[in-house]
Amino acid sequence: MAKAGRARPEVDTRARIMAAAAELLPRFTIAKLTMEDVARATGISRQTVYKHFRSKDDLVAELIAMELRANHAPRMRDLARLKPSHQKFVDLFMAQLDVGRQFPLIDPVLDPLIAPRMAELIFGVPVVLEALEEIWLPIFGKYADAGVIKPGVDHRQLVRWITYQQFWLITHPEVLAKDDAELEVYVKQFIVGGIVAT
């Protein structure tokens, strides 16, 4: 039986693997990082890495989810405390977009060869959308109760749709608008405009 206050060894190992991967990713990029690289950096066997993460995609997805929970969730919670309105929904969308732009892996994501792999990770490995649902679903519930979100909108589908819109805006930053002021007009009229009740 483990002593009180001490983490289980497998939890420590998992944390070491994630810390090593987080440090290696900016240097290796998602495309080139291997589980062998992570094993070497942690000083453990590749089999042990695979015991904790079935694949590199699972490992990277866990890192993305960890980043969302640590840095995105608190900011969104603060904004969500404000009284719901159409404009506050736009502010929430823009705040999440801003957090996405500051994501540590953003530079490689802007590479046209990497963006499709990131999209597969975000939409294909459940842990990322689960983290986004933890952030967005309480907000959607509050906004729906206040009559801001149209009735009948599936909130889980809305998480996916907003995430897709933001992923496109992050990976193609200047296609739609030259600056955030212009982008906010599009977000208000078309992206959020399709969600909120009139």
Protein backbone atom coordinates (compact mmCIF):
# COMPACT_ATOMS: atom_id res chain seq x y z
CA MET A 1 0.00 0.00 0.00
CA ALA A 2 1.40 3.40 -1.03
CA LYS A 3 2.07 5.97 1.68
CA ALA A 4 -0.38 8.86 1.94
CA GLY A 5 0.76 11.88 -0.05
CA ARG A 6 2.87 9.86 -2.51
CA ALA A 7 1.75 9.32 -6.09
CA ARG A 8 1.56 5.80 -7.42
CA PRO A 9 4.60 4.85 -9.55
CA GLU A 10 2.50 4.46 -12.70
CA VAL A 11 1.12 7.98 -12.22
CA ASP A 12 4.68 9.30 -11.85
CA THR A 13 5.74 7.43 -14.98
CA ARG A 14 2.78 8.75 -16.98
CA ALA A 15 3.57 12.30 -15.86
CA ARG A 16 7.25 11.84 -16.81
CA ILE A 17 6.25 10.60 -20.27
CA MET A 18 3.94 13.57 -20.82
CA ALA A 19 6.56 16.05 -19.57
CA ALA A 20 9.19 14.59 -21.89
CA ALA A 21 6.83 14.63 -24.87
CA ALA A 22 5.86 18.25 -24.15
CA GLU A 23 9.52 19.22 -24.15
CA LEU A 24 10.37 17.25 -27.30
CA LEU A 25 7.40 18.24 -29.48
CA PRO A 26 8.52 21.80 -30.27
CA ARG A 27 11.91 20.47 -31.44
CA PHE A 28 10.80 17.33 -33.26
CA THR A 29 7.31 18.42 -34.45
CA ILE A 30 4.32 16.09 -34.35
CA ALA A 31 5.27 14.53 -37.67
CA LYS A 32 8.78 13.51 -36.61
CA LEU A 33 8.43 12.72 -32.91
CA THR A 34 8.50 8.99 -32.16
CA MET A 35 7.64 6.99 -29.07
CA GLU A 36 11.30 5.88 -29.08
CA ASP A 37 12.33 9.55 -28.70
CA VAL A 38 10.00 9.88 -25.71
CA ALA A 39 11.26 6.64 -24.16
CA ARG A 40 14.88 7.74 -24.56
CA ALA A 41 14.17 11.15 -23.01
CA THR A 42 12.47 9.60 -19.97
CA GLY A 43 14.99 6.79 -19.56
CA ILE A 44 12.30 4.11 -19.68
CA SER A 45 11.55 1.39 -22.19
CA ARG A 46 9.41 1.97 -25.26
CA GLN A 47 7.15 -0.85 -24.03
CA THR A 48 6.50 1.15 -20.85
CA VAL A 49 5.59 4.22 -22.91
CA TYR A 50 3.14 2.08 -24.90
CA LYS A 51 1.72 0.68 -21.65
CA HIS A 52 0.58 4.20 -20.77
CA PHE A 53 -0.25 5.49 -24.27
CA ARG A 54 -1.39 3.19 -27.08
CA SER A 55 0.03 5.48 -29.76
CA LYS A 56 1.77 8.78 -30.38
CA ASP A 57 -1.63 10.25 -31.29
CA ASP A 58 -2.99 9.30 -27.86
CA LEU A 59 0.03 10.87 -26.16
CA VAL A 60 -0.20 14.13 -28.14
CA ALA A 61 -3.97 14.27 -27.64
CA GLU A 62 -3.45 13.96 -23.86
CA LEU A 63 -1.00 16.87 -24.01
CA ILE A 64 -3.53 18.98 -25.90
CA ALA A 65 -6.26 18.12 -23.39
CA MET A 66 -3.92 18.94 -20.50
CA GLU A 67 -3.14 22.33 -22.05
CA LEU A 68 -6.84 23.05 -22.55
CA ARG A 69 -7.69 22.20 -18.95
CA ALA A 70 -4.74 24.12 -17.47
CA ASN A 71 -4.76 27.31 -19.51
CA HIS A 72 -8.02 27.54 -21.39
CA ALA A 73 -10.61 26.45 -18.83
CA PRO A 74 -9.81 29.10 -16.17
CA ARG A 75 -10.04 31.96 -18.68
CA MET A 76 -13.32 30.69 -20.08
CA ARG A 77 -14.76 30.20 -16.58
CA ASP A 78 -13.94 33.82 -15.75
CA LEU A 79 -15.67 35.09 -18.90
CA ALA A 80 -18.63 32.75 -18.38
CA ARG A 81 -19.38 34.40 -15.02
CA LEU A 82 -20.58 37.50 -16.88
CA LYS A 83 -24.25 37.87 -17.75
CA PRO A 84 -25.00 35.93 -20.97
CA SER A 85 -25.57 37.97 -24.10
CA HIS A 86 -24.95 37.75 -27.84
CA GLN A 87 -21.82 39.92 -27.47
CA LYS A 88 -20.53 37.89 -24.50
CA PHE A 89 -20.86 34.75 -26.64
CA VAL A 90 -18.71 36.46 -29.29
CA ASP A 91 -16.23 37.40 -26.54
CA LEU A 92 -16.07 33.75 -25.41
CA PHE A 93 -15.45 32.58 -28.98
CA MET A 94 -12.69 35.16 -29.46
CA ALA A 95 -11.13 34.30 -26.08
CA GLN A 96 -10.95 30.61 -26.96
CA LEU A 97 -9.50 31.52 -30.35
CA ASP A 98 -6.85 33.63 -28.61
CA VAL A 99 -5.92 30.75 -26.29
CA GLY A 100 -5.65 28.49 -29.34
CA ARG A 101 -3.28 30.93 -31.01
CA GLN A 102 -1.04 30.83 -27.93
CA PHE A 103 -1.00 27.03 -27.79
CA PRO A 104 2.62 25.84 -27.49
CA LEU A 105 2.34 23.73 -30.66
CA ILE A 106 0.84 26.48 -32.79
CA ASP A 107 3.89 27.07 -35.00
CA PRO A 108 4.02 23.51 -36.35
CA VAL A 109 0.22 23.49 -36.71
CA LEU A 110 0.50 26.35 -39.19
CA ASP A 111 2.57 24.11 -41.46
CA PRO A 112 0.15 22.89 -44.18
CA LEU A 113 1.62 19.39 -43.85
CA ILE A 114 0.95 19.26 -40.09
CA ALA A 115 -2.51 20.88 -39.91
CA PRO A 116 -4.40 17.83 -41.26
CA ARG A 117 -2.72 15.58 -38.65
CA MET A 118 -3.68 18.01 -35.90
CA ALA A 119 -7.28 18.02 -37.14
CA GLU A 120 -7.28 14.21 -37.00
CA LEU A 121 -6.00 14.36 -33.43
CA ILE A 122 -8.50 16.95 -32.28
CA PHE A 123 -11.51 15.29 -33.86
CA GLY A 124 -10.37 11.67 -33.84
CA VAL A 125 -9.04 11.09 -30.32
CA PRO A 126 -11.90 11.52 -27.79
CA VAL A 127 -9.87 13.07 -24.95
CA VAL A 128 -9.49 16.43 -26.74
CA LEU A 129 -13.19 16.91 -27.43
CA GLU A 130 -13.96 15.65 -23.91
CA ALA A 131 -11.75 18.44 -22.50
CA LEU A 132 -13.47 20.97 -24.76
CA GLU A 133 -16.89 19.68 -23.68
CA GLU A 134 -15.89 20.13 -20.02
CA ILE A 135 -15.22 23.77 -20.81
CA TRP A 136 -18.08 24.56 -23.19
CA LEU A 137 -21.08 22.48 -22.05
CA PRO A 138 -21.65 24.36 -18.77
CA ILE A 139 -21.38 27.65 -20.70
CA PHE A 140 -23.85 26.48 -23.34
CA GLY A 141 -26.24 25.37 -20.60
CA LYS A 142 -26.08 28.78 -18.94
CA TYR A 143 -26.53 30.59 -22.27
CA ALA A 144 -29.41 28.31 -23.28
CA ASP A 145 -31.14 28.90 -19.91
CA ALA A 146 -30.75 32.66 -20.48
CA GLY A 147 -32.36 32.34 -23.93
CA VAL A 148 -29.19 33.38 -25.78
CA ILE A 149 -28.65 30.06 -27.60
CA LYS A 150 -31.42 28.90 -29.92
CA PRO A 151 -33.59 26.16 -28.42
CA GLY A 152 -33.03 22.66 -29.74
CA VAL A 153 -29.33 23.12 -30.53
CA ASP A 154 -27.35 19.96 -29.68
CA HIS A 155 -24.63 21.28 -27.37
CA ARG A 156 -22.16 18.46 -28.03
CA GLN A 157 -22.44 19.00 -31.77
CA LEU A 158 -21.98 22.71 -31.10
CA VAL A 159 -18.66 22.00 -29.34
CA ARG A 160 -17.45 20.15 -32.45
CA TRP A 161 -18.69 22.88 -34.81
CA ILE A 162 -17.10 25.74 -32.84
CA THR A 163 -13.86 23.77 -32.50
CA TYR A 164 -13.77 23.20 -36.26
CA GLN A 165 -14.38 26.88 -36.97
CA GLN A 166 -11.62 27.91 -34.59
CA PHE A 167 -9.20 25.32 -35.93
CA TRP A 168 -9.75 26.70 -39.44
CA LEU A 169 -9.26 30.30 -38.23
CA ILE A 170 -6.05 29.37 -36.38
CA THR A 171 -4.52 27.36 -39.21
CA HIS A 172 -5.53 29.91 -41.89
CA PRO A 173 -5.12 33.16 -39.94
CA GLU A 174 -5.34 35.70 -42.74
CA VAL A 175 -7.76 34.09 -45.18
CA LEU A 176 -10.95 35.52 -43.70
CA ALA A 177 -9.86 38.77 -42.05
CA LYS A 178 -6.79 41.00 -41.82
CA ASP A 179 -7.15 41.62 -38.06
CA ASP A 180 -9.23 40.68 -35.02
CA ALA A 181 -11.61 43.63 -35.39
CA GLU A 182 -12.62 42.46 -38.87
CA LEU A 183 -12.69 38.84 -37.74
CA GLU A 184 -15.01 39.68 -34.84
CA VAL A 185 -17.55 41.07 -37.32
CA TYR A 186 -17.59 37.73 -39.17
CA VAL A 187 -17.78 35.81 -35.90
CA LYS A 188 -20.68 37.93 -34.64
CA GLN A 189 -22.69 37.86 -37.86
CA PHE A 190 -22.08 34.38 -39.19
CA ILE A 191 -20.42 32.01 -36.73
CA VAL A 192 -22.18 33.06 -33.53
CA GLY A 193 -25.06 34.55 -35.48
CA GLY A 194 -26.20 31.07 -36.46
CA ILE A 195 -26.24 29.90 -32.84
CA VAL A 196 -27.84 32.68 -30.85
CA ALA A 197 -31.54 33.37 -30.59
CA THR A 198 -32.67 36.61 -32.18
